[in-house]
Amino acid sequence: MEILTFVFLFISLTQHGDAHGPEGCNHEGGLCRVGNCISGEYLAQYCFEPIILCCKSLSPTTTKS
């Protein structure tokens, strides 16, 4: 019975309105975090609304060739 509850919870989180999932967050350069974004990051979207946030860095990272 606990497994069924967990499956239902997971499905309901993935089907919620603005949730884009971790793939979309990572593709856009963000990281999924539980609770709050850390210092130097902002909330860009949700991985699984409203619990898991997609946080992006405030300053763009530079890449060297």
PDB file of N, CA and C in Angstrom:
ATOM      1  N   MET A   1       0.819  -1.195   0.000  1.00  0.00           N
ATOM      2  CA  MET A   1       0.000   0.000   0.000  1.00  0.00           C
ATOM      3  C   MET A   1       0.866   1.265   0.000  1.00  0.00           C
ATOM      4  N   GLU A   2       1.990   1.234   0.711  1.00  0.00           N
ATOM      5  CA  GLU A   2       2.878   2.395   0.733  1.00  0.00           C
ATOM      6  C   GLU A   2       3.464   2.671  -0.644  1.00  0.00           C
ATOM      7  N   ILE A   3       3.750   1.618  -1.389  1.00  0.00           N
ATOM      8  CA  ILE A   3       4.301   1.784  -2.727  1.00  0.00           C
ATOM      9  C   ILE A   3       3.284   2.472  -3.632  1.00  0.00           C
ATOM     10  N   LEU A   4       2.032   2.093  -3.529  1.00  0.00           N
ATOM     11  CA  LEU A   4       0.976   2.700  -4.327  1.00  0.00           C
ATOM     12  C   LEU A   4       0.852   4.194  -4.005  1.00  0.00           C
ATOM     13  N   THR A   5       0.944   4.543  -2.740  1.00  0.00           N
ATOM     14  CA  THR A   5       0.887   5.947  -2.326  1.00  0.00           C
ATOM     15  C   THR A   5       2.064   6.722  -2.907  1.00  0.00           C
ATOM     16  N   PHE A   6       3.260   6.144  -2.854  1.00  0.00           N
ATOM     17  CA  PHE A   6       4.446   6.788  -3.408  1.00  0.00           C
ATOM     18  C   PHE A   6       4.307   6.998  -4.914  1.00  0.00           C
ATOM     19  N   VAL A   7       3.820   6.002  -5.626  1.00  0.00           N
ATOM     20  CA  VAL A   7       3.637   6.103  -7.074  1.00  0.00           C
ATOM     21  C   VAL A   7       2.622   7.204  -7.400  1.00  0.00           C
ATOM     22  N   PHE A   8       1.524   7.245  -6.665  1.00  0.00           N
ATOM     23  CA  PHE A   8       0.511   8.276  -6.890  1.00  0.00           C
ATOM     24  C   PHE A   8       1.087   9.667  -6.646  1.00  0.00           C
ATOM     25  N   LEU A   9       1.852   9.829  -5.571  1.00  0.00           N
ATOM     26  CA  LEU A   9       2.463  11.115  -5.255  1.00  0.00           C
ATOM     27  C   LEU A   9       3.428  11.538  -6.358  1.00  0.00           C
ATOM     28  N   PHE A  10       4.254  10.628  -6.816  1.00  0.00           N
ATOM     29  CA  PHE A  10       5.217  10.932  -7.871  1.00  0.00           C
ATOM     30  C   PHE A  10       4.511  11.345  -9.158  1.00  0.00           C
ATOM     31  N   ILE A  11       3.478  10.615  -9.536  1.00  0.00           N
ATOM     32  CA  ILE A  11       2.737  10.940 -10.762  1.00  0.00           C
ATOM     33  C   ILE A  11       2.060  12.299 -10.636  1.00  0.00           C
ATOM     34  N   SER A  12       1.479  12.585  -9.491  1.00  0.00           N
ATOM     35  CA  SER A  12       0.809  13.869  -9.318  1.00  0.00           C
ATOM     36  C   SER A  12       1.808  15.020  -9.358  1.00  0.00           C
ATOM     37  N   LEU A  13       3.015  14.840  -8.843  1.00  0.00           N
ATOM     38  CA  LEU A  13       4.027  15.888  -8.894  1.00  0.00           C
ATOM     39  C   LEU A  13       4.508  16.136 -10.317  1.00  0.00           C
ATOM     40  N   THR A  14       4.657  15.085 -11.093  1.00  0.00           N
ATOM     41  CA  THR A  14       5.160  15.249 -12.455  1.00  0.00           C
ATOM     42  C   THR A  14       4.102  15.818 -13.386  1.00  0.00           C
ATOM     43  N   GLN A  15       2.834  15.693 -13.060  1.00  0.00           N
ATOM     44  CA  GLN A  15       1.763  16.171 -13.923  1.00  0.00           C
ATOM     45  C   GLN A  15       1.276  17.557 -13.562  1.00  0.00           C
ATOM     46  N   HIS A  16       1.843  18.204 -12.554  1.00  0.00           N
ATOM     47  CA  HIS A  16       1.358  19.494 -12.091  1.00  0.00           C
ATOM     48  C   HIS A  16       1.744  20.608 -13.061  1.00  0.00           C
ATOM     49  N   GLY A  17       0.897  21.616 -13.164  1.00  0.00           N
ATOM     50  CA  GLY A  17       0.984  22.778 -14.040  1.00  0.00           C
ATOM     51  C   GLY A  17       2.323  23.168 -14.616  1.00  0.00           C
ATOM     52  N   ASP A  18       3.145  23.913 -13.873  1.00  0.00           N
ATOM     53  CA  ASP A  18       4.365  24.486 -14.413  1.00  0.00           C
ATOM     54  C   ASP A  18       5.592  23.620 -14.221  1.00  0.00           C
ATOM     55  N   ALA A  19       5.424  22.388 -13.837  1.00  0.00           N
ATOM     56  CA  ALA A  19       6.570  21.512 -13.614  1.00  0.00           C
ATOM     57  C   ALA A  19       7.146  21.092 -14.960  1.00  0.00           C
ATOM     58  N   HIS A  20       8.421  21.349 -15.164  1.00  0.00           N
ATOM     59  CA  HIS A  20       9.059  21.027 -16.432  1.00  0.00           C
ATOM     60  C   HIS A  20       9.955  19.806 -16.338  1.00  0.00           C
ATOM     61  N   GLY A  21      10.239  19.341 -15.168  1.00  0.00           N
ATOM     62  CA  GLY A  21      11.063  18.165 -14.973  1.00  0.00           C
ATOM     63  C   GLY A  21      12.537  18.486 -14.960  1.00  0.00           C
ATOM     64  N   PRO A  22      13.323  17.558 -14.433  1.00  0.00           N
ATOM     65  CA  PRO A  22      14.755  17.799 -14.311  1.00  0.00           C
ATOM     66  C   PRO A  22      15.480  17.890 -15.652  1.00  0.00           C
ATOM     67  N   GLU A  23      14.986  17.218 -16.686  1.00  0.00           N
ATOM     68  CA  GLU A  23      15.657  17.271 -17.981  1.00  0.00           C
ATOM     69  C   GLU A  23      15.632  18.683 -18.545  1.00  0.00           C
ATOM     70  N   GLY A  24      14.482  19.344 -18.466  1.00  0.00           N
ATOM     71  CA  GLY A  24      14.363  20.708 -18.967  1.00  0.00           C
ATOM     72  C   GLY A  24      15.208  21.677 -18.165  1.00  0.00           C
ATOM     73  N   CYS A  25      15.254  21.481 -16.861  1.00  0.00           N
ATOM     74  CA  CYS A  25      16.046  22.350 -15.986  1.00  0.00           C
ATOM     75  C   CYS A  25      17.529  22.212 -16.313  1.00  0.00           C
ATOM     76  N   ASN A  26      18.017  20.999 -16.401  1.00  0.00           N
ATOM     77  CA  ASN A  26      19.428  20.761 -16.703  1.00  0.00           C
ATOM     78  C   ASN A  26      19.782  21.254 -18.097  1.00  0.00           C
ATOM     79  N   HIS A  27      18.877  21.084 -19.037  1.00  0.00           N
ATOM     80  CA  HIS A  27      19.117  21.529 -20.415  1.00  0.00           C
ATOM     81  C   HIS A  27      19.250  23.047 -20.473  1.00  0.00           C
ATOM     82  N   GLU A  28      18.522  23.746 -19.630  1.00  0.00           N
ATOM     83  CA  GLU A  28      18.565  25.210 -19.591  1.00  0.00           C
ATOM     84  C   GLU A  28      19.695  25.733 -18.711  1.00  0.00           C
ATOM     85  N   GLY A  29      20.522  24.857 -18.138  1.00  0.00           N
ATOM     86  CA  GLY A  29      21.659  25.281 -17.335  1.00  0.00           C
ATOM     87  C   GLY A  29      21.361  25.438 -15.856  1.00  0.00           C
ATOM     88  N   GLY A  30      20.265  24.847 -15.400  1.00  0.00           N
ATOM     89  CA  GLY A  30      19.898  24.944 -13.989  1.00  0.00           C
ATOM     90  C   GLY A  30      20.138  23.641 -13.245  1.00  0.00           C
ATOM     91  N   LEU A  31      19.904  23.696 -11.939  1.00  0.00           N
ATOM     92  CA  LEU A  31      20.014  22.518 -11.088  1.00  0.00           C
ATOM     93  C   LEU A  31      18.736  22.379 -10.274  1.00  0.00           C
ATOM     94  N   CYS A  32      18.258  21.157 -10.116  1.00  0.00           N
ATOM     95  CA  CYS A  32      17.083  20.909  -9.294  1.00  0.00           C
ATOM     96  C   CYS A  32      17.507  20.857  -7.830  1.00  0.00           C
ATOM     97  N   ARG A  33      16.800  21.595  -6.981  1.00  0.00           N
ATOM     98  CA  ARG A  33      17.093  21.641  -5.546  1.00  0.00           C
ATOM     99  C   ARG A  33      15.804  21.507  -4.763  1.00  0.00           C
ATOM    100  N   VAL A  34      15.891  20.842  -3.622  1.00  0.00           N
ATOM    101  CA  VAL A  34      14.747  20.685  -2.735  1.00  0.00           C
ATOM    102  C   VAL A  34      14.718  21.853  -1.755  1.00  0.00           C
ATOM    103  N   GLY A  35      13.568  22.491  -1.620  1.00  0.00           N
ATOM    104  CA  GLY A  35      13.397  23.543  -0.615  1.00  0.00           C
ATOM    105  C   GLY A  35      13.692  24.932  -1.112  1.00  0.00           C
ATOM    106  N   ASN A  36      14.951  25.326  -1.152  1.00  0.00           N
ATOM    107  CA  ASN A  36      15.346  26.678  -1.538  1.00  0.00           C
ATOM    108  C   ASN A  36      16.571  26.646  -2.435  1.00  0.00           C
ATOM    109  N   CYS A  37      16.690  27.693  -3.249  1.00  0.00           N
ATOM    110  CA  CYS A  37      17.917  27.875  -4.019  1.00  0.00           C
ATOM    111  C   CYS A  37      18.990  28.382  -3.065  1.00  0.00           C
ATOM    112  N   ILE A  38      20.247  28.074  -3.369  1.00  0.00           N
ATOM    113  CA  ILE A  38      21.342  28.528  -2.515  1.00  0.00           C
ATOM    114  C   ILE A  38      21.716  29.964  -2.877  1.00  0.00           C
ATOM    115  N   SER A  39      22.566  30.567  -2.075  1.00  0.00           N
ATOM    116  CA  SER A  39      23.023  31.928  -2.308  1.00  0.00           C
ATOM    117  C   SER A  39      23.690  32.028  -3.675  1.00  0.00           C
ATOM    118  N   GLY A  40      23.343  33.056  -4.436  1.00  0.00           N
ATOM    119  CA  GLY A  40      23.904  33.233  -5.765  1.00  0.00           C
ATOM    120  C   GLY A  40      23.076  32.586  -6.861  1.00  0.00           C
ATOM    121  N   GLU A  41      21.911  32.037  -6.505  1.00  0.00           N
ATOM    122  CA  GLU A  41      21.019  31.411  -7.479  1.00  0.00           C
ATOM    123  C   GLU A  41      19.630  32.043  -7.371  1.00  0.00           C
ATOM    124  N   TYR A  42      18.840  31.857  -8.430  1.00  0.00           N
ATOM    125  CA  TYR A  42      17.459  32.315  -8.421  1.00  0.00           C
ATOM    126  C   TYR A  42      16.550  31.206  -8.931  1.00  0.00           C
ATOM    127  N   LEU A  43      15.264  31.291  -8.583  1.00  0.00           N
ATOM    128  CA  LEU A  43      14.281  30.315  -9.022  1.00  0.00           C
ATOM    129  C   LEU A  43      13.918  30.593 -10.475  1.00  0.00           C
ATOM    130  N   ALA A  44      14.234  29.670 -11.359  1.00  0.00           N
ATOM    131  CA  ALA A  44      13.955  29.836 -12.780  1.00  0.00           C
ATOM    132  C   ALA A  44      12.643  29.172 -13.173  1.00  0.00           C
ATOM    133  N   GLN A  45      12.371  28.001 -12.607  1.00  0.00           N
ATOM    134  CA  GLN A  45      11.159  27.242 -12.869  1.00  0.00           C
ATOM    135  C   GLN A  45      11.085  26.156 -11.815  1.00  0.00           C
ATOM    136  N   TYR A  46      10.217  25.211 -12.001  1.00  0.00           N
ATOM    137  CA  TYR A  46      10.092  24.088 -11.070  1.00  0.00           C
ATOM    138  C   TYR A  46      10.452  22.788 -11.767  1.00  0.00           C
ATOM    139  N   CYS A  47      11.192  21.941 -11.066  1.00  0.00           N
ATOM    140  CA  CYS A  47      11.411  20.582 -11.560  1.00  0.00           C
ATOM    141  C   CYS A  47      10.164  19.755 -11.240  1.00  0.00           C
ATOM    142  N   PHE A  48       9.712  19.820  -9.999  1.00  0.00           N
ATOM    143  CA  PHE A  48       8.471  19.203  -9.558  1.00  0.00           C
ATOM    144  C   PHE A  48       7.813  20.176  -8.588  1.00  0.00           C
ATOM    145  N   GLU A  49       6.829  20.934  -9.065  1.00  0.00           N
ATOM    146  CA  GLU A  49       6.175  21.962  -8.269  1.00  0.00           C
ATOM    147  C   GLU A  49       5.391  21.336  -7.134  1.00  0.00           C
ATOM    148  N   PRO A  50       5.373  21.882  -5.966  1.00  0.00           N
ATOM    149  CA  PRO A  50       6.030  23.079  -5.469  1.00  0.00           C
ATOM    150  C   PRO A  50       7.264  22.751  -4.642  1.00  0.00           C
ATOM    151  N   ILE A  51       7.713  21.502  -4.644  1.00  0.00           N
ATOM    152  CA  ILE A  51       8.747  21.058  -3.709  1.00  0.00           C
ATOM    153  C   ILE A  51      10.151  21.193  -4.283  1.00  0.00           C
ATOM    154  N   ILE A  52      10.351  20.766  -5.505  1.00  0.00           N
ATOM    155  CA  ILE A  52      11.691  20.739  -6.088  1.00  0.00           C
ATOM    156  C   ILE A  52      11.817  21.872  -7.100  1.00  0.00           C
ATOM    157  N   LEU A  53      12.752  22.778  -6.819  1.00  0.00           N
ATOM    158  CA  LEU A  53      12.934  23.982  -7.614  1.00  0.00           C
ATOM    159  C   LEU A  53      14.036  23.811  -8.646  1.00  0.00           C
ATOM    160  N   CYS A  54      13.938  24.550  -9.732  1.00  0.00           N
ATOM    161  CA  CYS A  54      15.008  24.621 -10.717  1.00  0.00           C
ATOM    162  C   CYS A  54      15.718  25.949 -10.495  1.00  0.00           C
ATOM    163  N   CYS A  55      16.939  25.889  -9.995  1.00  0.00           N
ATOM    164  CA  CYS A  55      17.697  27.090  -9.653  1.00  0.00           C
ATOM    165  C   CYS A  55      18.795  27.319 -10.679  1.00  0.00           C
ATOM    166  N   LYS A  56      18.980  28.582 -11.044  1.00  0.00           N
ATOM    167  CA  LYS A  56      20.039  28.968 -11.967  1.00  0.00           C
ATOM    168  C   LYS A  56      20.932  29.987 -11.316  1.00  0.00           C
ATOM    169  N   SER A  57      22.160  30.007 -11.721  1.00  0.00           N
ATOM    170  CA  SER A  57      23.143  30.930 -11.192  1.00  0.00           C
ATOM    171  C   SER A  57      22.819  32.368 -11.614  1.00  0.00           C
ATOM    172  N   LEU A  58      23.022  33.318 -10.703  1.00  0.00           N
ATOM    173  CA  LEU A  58      22.792  34.733 -11.006  1.00  0.00           C
ATOM    174  C   LEU A  58      23.796  35.260 -12.016  1.00  0.00           C
ATOM    175  N   SER A  59      25.052  34.821 -11.912  1.00  0.00           N
ATOM    176  CA  SER A  59      26.079  35.282 -12.831  1.00  0.00           C
ATOM    177  C   SER A  59      26.360  34.191 -13.859  1.00  0.00           C
ATOM    178  N   PRO A  60      26.429  34.572 -15.146  1.00  0.00           N
ATOM    179  CA  PRO A  60      26.725  33.558 -16.166  1.00  0.00           C
ATOM    180  C   PRO A  60      28.142  33.037 -16.008  1.00  0.00           C
ATOM    181  N   THR A  61      28.283  31.755 -16.220  1.00  0.00           N
ATOM    182  CA  THR A  61      29.602  31.140 -16.133  1.00  0.00           C
ATOM    183  C   THR A  61      30.302  31.282 -17.480  1.00  0.00           C
ATOM    184  N   THR A  62      31.578  31.504 -17.445  1.00  0.00           N
ATOM    185  CA  THR A  62      32.344  31.622 -18.693  1.00  0.00           C
ATOM    186  C   THR A  62      33.086  30.314 -18.926  1.00  0.00           C
ATOM    187  N   THR A  63      33.167  29.951 -20.185  1.00  0.00           N
ATOM    188  CA  THR A  63      33.881  28.732 -20.553  1.00  0.00           C
ATOM    189  C   THR A  63      35.109  29.109 -21.361  1.00  0.00           C
ATOM    190  N   LYS A  64      36.220  28.468 -21.074  1.00  0.00           N
ATOM    191  CA  LYS A  64      37.459  28.721 -21.811  1.00  0.00           C
ATOM    192  C   LYS A  64      37.677  27.610 -22.824  1.00  0.00           C
ATOM    193  N   SER A  65      38.152  27.980 -23.973  1.00  0.00           N
ATOM    194  CA  SER A  65      38.400  27.002 -25.032  1.00  0.00           C
ATOM    195  C   SER A  65      39.786  26.454 -24.915  1.00  0.00           C
TER     196      SER A  65
END
